[in-house]
Amino acid sequence: MSALAEHLDDYLRLRRGLGFQLGRHGEVLPRFVAYVEANKATTVTVELAAAWARLPEGIKAITVDFRISAVRGFARYLHALDPAHEIPPPGLLAAPRRRPTPYIYTPDQIAEVLRTTRRLRPPLRAVTYRTLLGLVAATGMRSGEAFALTRSDVDLVEGMVTVRHAKFDRIRLVPLHRSVTVELGAYATTRDRLRPAPSCDRFFVSVTGRPLRRGEAEGVFREITTAIGLRTETVHPRIHDLRHTFAVRTLIDGHRNGADISSLLPVLSTYLGHVEPANTYWYLSAVPELMQLAAARLERHEAGQS
């Protein structure tokens, strides 16, 4: 094993020890080390990193961005051991990122989505998707977080959900409204009656007792939104937009009720599990209604000072 490969093993072990999941880093960095060694080099250079990140020709810009970012972290580690290793500068090969404009559901549309799940067959499939989508809409959880919930993660006594597989493998607690807790309890009773011997410990299960698959859930959601006329050739609502809707409605209600938005945003950010408050502030500029409310409040504030 080369010295660079040994350093990589140490680096990945360190990341793992700090609580990071290796994920794609554990896949792409060994390839980068192999590329460096194939070029008869013993140190990381910006030129080598950039050349490798662009391979093969025609690769997606977001993949190039991820690769150079992964190398940057490894290079920082190496540079601390030997300054001869070069660190790719921030912004190098960065991909332009445009977040899609969220589809904001009205309360009536959400109610119609949940009602339409009753058409699904068999009954376990219907109650599973009605409860799953209701939970995401009522709490703003990510759909992947809801899929990953185990039975022990859902505390029906305290009305609390423990999200153990949030972004970056963080853990957070999500307090539930009493009405949500009641619905989850009703689902658990129905689930255990219709599927008494599940093959996994997940809270939400498929008709075979196995974990729900994201692809299947997205397909079911497409069926439902098409059936009720929400999905068209140009409008493509997603399950994830239920999370966006929760965030936006919380901020809109805060504006209309005269709440201190600067105090509300950090609370909402924590509840949603955002790593950075900027991810929550994004909603202020992404949704026209919020922009209008914020502008109106600013005008009233300035008028009061004049």
Protein backbone atom coordinates (compact mmCIF):
# COMPACT_ATOMS: atom_id res chain seq x y z
CA MET A 1 0.00 0.00 0.00
CA SER A 2 1.33 3.44 -0.95
CA ALA A 3 1.81 6.25 1.56
CA LEU A 4 -1.05 8.21 -0.03
CA ALA A 5 -3.39 5.22 0.26
CA GLU A 6 -2.40 4.80 3.92
CA HIS A 7 -3.17 8.46 4.54
CA LEU A 8 -6.56 7.97 2.90
CA ASP A 9 -7.34 5.05 5.21
CA ASP A 10 -6.44 7.20 8.19
CA TYR A 11 -8.53 10.10 6.90
CA LEU A 12 -11.62 7.97 6.32
CA ARG A 13 -11.17 6.34 9.72
CA LEU A 14 -10.99 9.78 11.30
CA ARG A 15 -14.17 10.93 9.55
CA ARG A 16 -15.94 7.79 10.68
CA GLY A 17 -14.72 8.31 14.24
CA LEU A 18 -16.12 11.86 14.21
CA GLY A 19 -19.56 10.51 13.36
CA PHE A 20 -19.63 11.13 9.61
CA GLN A 21 -21.03 8.46 7.34
CA LEU A 22 -18.52 7.79 4.60
CA GLY A 23 -21.14 7.53 1.89
CA ARG A 24 -19.76 8.49 -1.51
CA HIS A 25 -16.50 9.80 0.01
CA GLY A 26 -15.53 6.20 0.65
CA GLU A 27 -16.13 5.44 -3.01
CA VAL A 28 -14.68 8.42 -4.87
CA LEU A 29 -11.52 9.17 -2.85
CA PRO A 30 -9.92 5.74 -3.44
CA ARG A 31 -10.45 6.37 -7.15
CA PHE A 32 -8.76 9.73 -6.86
CA VAL A 33 -5.76 8.19 -5.06
CA ALA A 34 -5.52 5.55 -7.79
CA TYR A 35 -5.57 8.33 -10.41
CA VAL A 36 -2.77 10.23 -8.64
CA GLU A 37 -0.67 7.08 -8.39
CA ALA A 38 -1.31 6.23 -12.04
CA ASN A 39 0.17 9.62 -12.89
CA LYS A 40 3.33 8.72 -10.92
CA ALA A 41 2.64 11.48 -8.40
CA THR A 42 3.08 11.29 -4.62
CA THR A 43 1.40 14.55 -3.66
CA VAL A 44 -2.00 16.05 -4.37
CA THR A 45 -1.98 19.04 -6.72
CA VAL A 46 -4.79 21.30 -7.86
CA GLU A 47 -4.09 20.32 -11.46
CA LEU A 48 -4.45 16.59 -10.74
CA ALA A 49 -7.59 17.14 -8.67
CA ALA A 50 -9.26 19.24 -11.36
CA ALA A 51 -8.32 16.83 -14.16
CA TRP A 52 -9.65 13.81 -12.25
CA ALA A 53 -12.86 15.55 -11.19
CA ARG A 54 -13.77 16.22 -14.84
CA LEU A 55 -13.42 12.59 -15.97
CA PRO A 56 -14.96 11.29 -18.14
CA GLU A 57 -15.79 14.04 -20.62
CA GLY A 58 -19.44 15.08 -20.46
CA ILE A 59 -19.87 14.27 -16.77
CA LYS A 60 -22.53 16.27 -14.91
CA ALA A 61 -21.39 19.54 -13.35
CA ILE A 62 -22.87 18.59 -9.97
CA THR A 63 -20.78 15.40 -9.95
CA VAL A 64 -17.62 17.40 -10.73
CA ASP A 65 -18.54 19.74 -7.88
CA PHE A 66 -18.95 16.88 -5.41
CA ARG A 67 -15.68 15.25 -6.44
CA ILE A 68 -13.58 18.39 -6.08
CA SER A 69 -15.25 19.07 -2.72
CA ALA A 70 -14.38 15.57 -1.49
CA VAL A 71 -10.78 15.99 -2.61
CA ARG A 72 -10.61 19.41 -0.94
CA GLY A 73 -11.39 17.88 2.45
CA PHE A 74 -8.81 15.12 1.99
CA ALA A 75 -6.24 17.63 0.73
CA ARG A 76 -6.68 19.80 3.83
CA TYR A 77 -5.91 16.75 5.95
CA LEU A 78 -2.84 15.95 3.85
CA HIS A 79 -1.63 19.55 3.84
CA ALA A 80 -1.55 19.53 7.65
CA LEU A 81 0.84 16.56 7.42
CA ASP A 82 2.88 17.87 4.50
CA PRO A 83 2.53 21.39 3.02
CA ALA A 84 3.60 20.01 -0.35
CA HIS A 85 0.01 18.83 -0.86
CA GLU A 86 -2.09 21.52 -2.56
CA ILE A 87 -5.66 22.32 -1.52
CA PRO A 88 -8.14 23.04 -4.35
CA PRO A 89 -9.50 26.55 -3.68
CA PRO A 90 -13.17 27.05 -2.76
CA GLY A 91 -15.30 27.68 -5.82
CA LEU A 92 -13.07 25.71 -8.17
CA LEU A 93 -15.32 23.82 -10.61
CA ALA A 94 -18.35 24.73 -8.49
CA ALA A 95 -21.65 23.89 -10.16
CA PRO A 96 -24.31 26.60 -10.33
CA ARG A 97 -27.13 25.55 -8.02
CA ARG A 98 -30.71 26.59 -8.57
CA ARG A 99 -33.25 25.34 -6.11
CA PRO A 100 -36.57 24.51 -7.78
CA THR A 101 -39.45 26.79 -6.89
CA PRO A 102 -41.55 24.85 -4.36
CA TYR A 103 -45.14 23.93 -5.07
CA ILE A 104 -47.16 25.29 -2.15
CA TYR A 105 -50.32 23.30 -1.48
CA THR A 106 -53.47 24.90 -0.16
CA PRO A 107 -55.08 23.28 2.90
CA ASP A 108 -57.89 22.02 0.67
CA GLN A 109 -55.42 20.41 -1.73
CA ILE A 110 -53.67 18.59 1.11
CA ALA A 111 -57.03 17.39 2.42
CA GLU A 112 -57.93 16.14 -1.08
CA VAL A 113 -54.60 14.29 -1.40
CA LEU A 114 -55.22 12.52 1.90
CA ARG A 115 -58.82 11.67 0.99
CA THR A 116 -57.70 10.20 -2.33
CA THR A 117 -55.36 7.74 -0.60
CA ARG A 118 -58.51 5.90 0.51
CA ARG A 119 -58.87 4.65 -3.08
CA LEU A 120 -55.61 2.72 -2.85
CA ARG A 121 -55.74 -1.05 -2.48
CA PRO A 122 -55.26 -3.13 -0.43
CA PRO A 123 -56.42 -1.36 2.77
CA LEU A 124 -52.96 -1.44 4.40
CA ARG A 125 -51.50 0.45 1.45
CA ALA A 126 -54.21 3.08 1.71
CA VAL A 127 -53.83 3.72 5.44
CA THR A 128 -50.02 3.67 5.21
CA TYR A 129 -49.85 6.40 2.57
CA ARG A 130 -52.59 8.47 4.17
CA THR A 131 -50.74 8.47 7.49
CA LEU A 132 -47.28 8.92 5.97
CA LEU A 133 -48.31 11.90 3.83
CA GLY A 134 -50.28 13.36 6.72
CA LEU A 135 -47.23 13.16 8.99
CA VAL A 136 -44.99 14.91 6.44
CA ALA A 137 -47.60 17.63 5.88
CA ALA A 138 -48.19 18.18 9.61
CA THR A 139 -44.55 18.22 10.72
CA GLY A 140 -42.49 19.23 7.68
CA MET A 141 -40.36 16.09 8.02
CA ARG A 142 -38.37 14.96 5.00
CA SER A 143 -40.04 11.97 3.35
CA GLY A 144 -36.82 9.96 3.74
CA GLU A 145 -36.87 10.66 7.48
CA ALA A 146 -40.44 9.38 7.68
CA PHE A 147 -39.60 6.24 5.68
CA ALA A 148 -36.72 5.46 8.06
CA LEU A 149 -38.72 5.76 11.30
CA THR A 150 -38.73 2.62 13.41
CA ARG A 151 -41.45 1.65 15.85
CA SER A 152 -39.31 2.73 18.78
CA ASP A 153 -38.75 6.15 17.16
CA VAL A 154 -42.45 6.99 17.49
CA ASP A 155 -43.42 7.70 21.10
CA LEU A 156 -47.21 7.71 21.17
CA VAL A 157 -47.29 8.37 24.91
CA GLU A 158 -45.16 11.53 24.88
CA GLY A 159 -46.24 12.60 21.40
CA MET A 160 -42.67 12.73 20.11
CA VAL A 161 -40.83 11.40 17.08
CA THR A 162 -37.08 10.80 17.14
CA VAL A 163 -35.48 11.35 13.73
CA ARG A 164 -32.27 9.33 13.73
CA HIS A 165 -31.43 9.56 10.04
CA ALA A 166 -31.64 13.27 9.30
CA LYS A 167 -29.21 15.01 6.95
CA PHE A 168 -25.57 14.42 7.90
CA ASP A 169 -26.82 11.66 10.23
CA ARG A 170 -27.98 14.15 12.86
CA ILE A 171 -30.56 13.19 15.46
CA ARG A 172 -33.44 15.50 16.38
CA LEU A 173 -36.72 15.36 18.29
CA VAL A 174 -39.98 16.36 16.60
CA PRO A 175 -42.84 17.21 19.00
CA LEU A 176 -46.25 16.24 17.62
CA HIS A 177 -49.63 17.92 17.83
CA ARG A 178 -52.13 15.81 19.73
CA SER A 179 -54.16 15.19 16.57
CA VAL A 180 -51.06 13.83 14.79
CA THR A 181 -50.28 11.50 17.70
CA VAL A 182 -53.84 10.15 17.58
CA GLU A 183 -53.57 9.44 13.85
CA LEU A 184 -50.23 7.67 14.26
CA GLY A 185 -51.68 5.54 17.05
CA ALA A 186 -54.66 4.60 14.89
CA TYR A 187 -52.32 3.66 12.06
CA ALA A 188 -50.16 1.48 14.33
CA THR A 189 -53.26 -0.42 15.48
CA THR A 190 -54.53 -0.92 11.93
CA ARG A 191 -51.06 -1.86 10.65
CA ASP A 192 -50.63 -4.55 13.28
CA ARG A 193 -54.10 -5.93 12.58
CA LEU A 194 -53.59 -6.11 8.82
CA ARG A 195 -49.91 -7.11 8.94
CA PRO A 196 -49.39 -8.89 12.28
CA ALA A 197 -45.94 -10.22 11.43
CA PRO A 198 -43.88 -7.52 9.67
CA SER A 199 -40.46 -8.48 8.35
CA CYS A 200 -38.82 -5.27 9.64
CA ASP A 201 -39.06 -2.84 12.56
CA ARG A 202 -40.08 0.17 10.45
CA PHE A 203 -43.08 2.18 11.58
CA PHE A 204 -44.43 2.53 8.03
CA VAL A 205 -44.45 -0.74 6.11
CA SER A 206 -45.48 -1.99 2.70
CA VAL A 207 -48.22 -4.58 2.17
CA THR A 208 -45.53 -7.27 2.39
CA GLY A 209 -44.33 -5.97 5.75
CA ARG A 210 -41.11 -4.55 4.33
CA PRO A 211 -39.78 -0.95 4.37
CA LEU A 212 -41.41 1.47 1.96
CA ARG A 213 -39.35 2.29 -1.11
CA ARG A 214 -38.95 5.90 -2.18
CA GLY A 215 -39.53 5.13 -5.84
CA GLU A 216 -42.81 3.35 -5.11
CA ALA A 217 -43.97 6.19 -2.85
CA GLU A 218 -43.22 8.79 -5.53
CA GLY A 219 -45.15 6.69 -8.04
CA VAL A 220 -48.17 6.51 -5.75
CA PHE A 221 -48.00 10.27 -5.19
CA ARG A 222 -47.91 10.87 -8.95
CA GLU A 223 -51.04 8.75 -9.31
CA ILE A 224 -52.87 10.67 -6.60
CA THR A 225 -51.91 14.18 -7.76
CA THR A 226 -52.76 13.30 -11.36
CA ALA A 227 -56.13 11.86 -10.36
CA ILE A 228 -57.18 15.05 -8.55
CA GLY A 229 -55.85 17.38 -11.25
CA LEU A 230 -52.87 18.88 -9.43
CA ARG A 231 -50.29 17.38 -11.78
CA THR A 232 -50.16 18.73 -15.30
CA GLU A 233 -47.59 18.89 -18.09
CA THR A 234 -46.04 21.96 -16.50
CA VAL A 235 -46.82 21.51 -12.78
CA HIS A 236 -45.14 18.61 -10.99
CA PRO A 237 -45.91 18.65 -7.25
CA ARG A 238 -43.70 16.43 -5.09
CA ILE A 239 -43.99 14.79 -1.70
CA HIS A 240 -41.09 17.02 -0.61
CA ASP A 241 -43.25 20.06 -1.38
CA LEU A 242 -45.41 19.12 1.61
CA ARG A 243 -42.36 20.00 3.72
CA HIS A 244 -41.96 23.28 1.86
CA THR A 245 -45.64 24.02 2.41
CA PHE A 246 -45.33 23.43 6.15
CA ALA A 247 -42.43 25.88 6.37
CA VAL A 248 -44.10 28.53 4.22
CA ARG A 249 -47.47 28.32 6.01
CA THR A 250 -45.73 28.62 9.38
CA LEU A 251 -43.99 31.81 8.25
CA ILE A 252 -47.12 33.23 6.61
CA ASP A 253 -49.16 32.62 9.77
CA GLY A 254 -46.38 34.23 11.78
CA HIS A 255 -46.46 37.34 9.61
CA ARG A 256 -50.23 37.62 9.77
CA ASN A 257 -50.28 37.13 13.53
CA GLY A 258 -47.63 39.80 14.06
CA ALA A 259 -45.00 37.36 15.36
CA ASP A 260 -41.33 38.34 15.61
CA ILE A 261 -40.11 36.63 12.42
CA SER A 262 -36.45 37.05 13.39
CA SER A 263 -37.21 34.92 16.47
CA LEU A 264 -39.49 32.50 14.64
CA LEU A 265 -37.01 31.60 11.89
CA PRO A 266 -34.35 29.99 14.14
CA VAL A 267 -37.06 27.95 15.91
CA LEU A 268 -38.50 26.80 12.59
CA SER A 269 -35.00 26.04 11.30
CA THR A 270 -34.33 23.79 14.30
CA TYR A 271 -37.70 22.06 14.01
CA LEU A 272 -37.14 21.33 10.31
CA GLY A 273 -33.63 20.05 10.97
CA HIS A 274 -31.91 22.59 8.73
CA VAL A 275 -28.14 22.53 9.16
CA GLU A 276 -27.89 26.26 8.43
CA PRO A 277 -30.51 28.98 9.12
CA ALA A 278 -29.89 30.23 5.56
CA ASN A 279 -31.79 27.18 4.32
CA THR A 280 -34.87 28.47 6.16
CA TYR A 281 -34.37 32.12 5.16
CA TRP A 282 -34.50 30.91 1.55
CA TYR A 283 -38.28 30.58 1.83
CA LEU A 284 -38.60 34.34 2.30
CA SER A 285 -37.36 34.94 -1.22
CA ALA A 286 -38.65 31.74 -2.86
CA VAL A 287 -42.36 32.36 -2.26
CA PRO A 288 -43.97 35.57 -3.62
CA GLU A 289 -46.64 35.71 -0.88
CA LEU A 290 -43.96 35.75 1.81
CA MET A 291 -42.06 38.46 -0.03
CA GLN A 292 -45.22 40.58 -0.19
CA LEU A 293 -45.95 40.10 3.51
CA ALA A 294 -42.36 40.97 4.44
CA ALA A 295 -42.44 44.08 2.25
CA ALA A 296 -45.75 45.20 3.74
CA ARG A 297 -44.43 44.77 7.27
CA LEU A 298 -41.31 46.76 6.38
CA GLU A 299 -43.45 49.57 4.96
CA ARG A 300 -45.54 49.71 8.15
CA HIS A 301 -42.39 49.74 10.24
CA GLU A 302 -40.86 52.60 8.24
CA ALA A 303 -44.13 54.54 8.32
CA GLY A 304 -44.23 54.24 12.08
CA GLN A 305 -40.72 55.69 12.37
CA SER A 306 -41.40 58.68 10.12
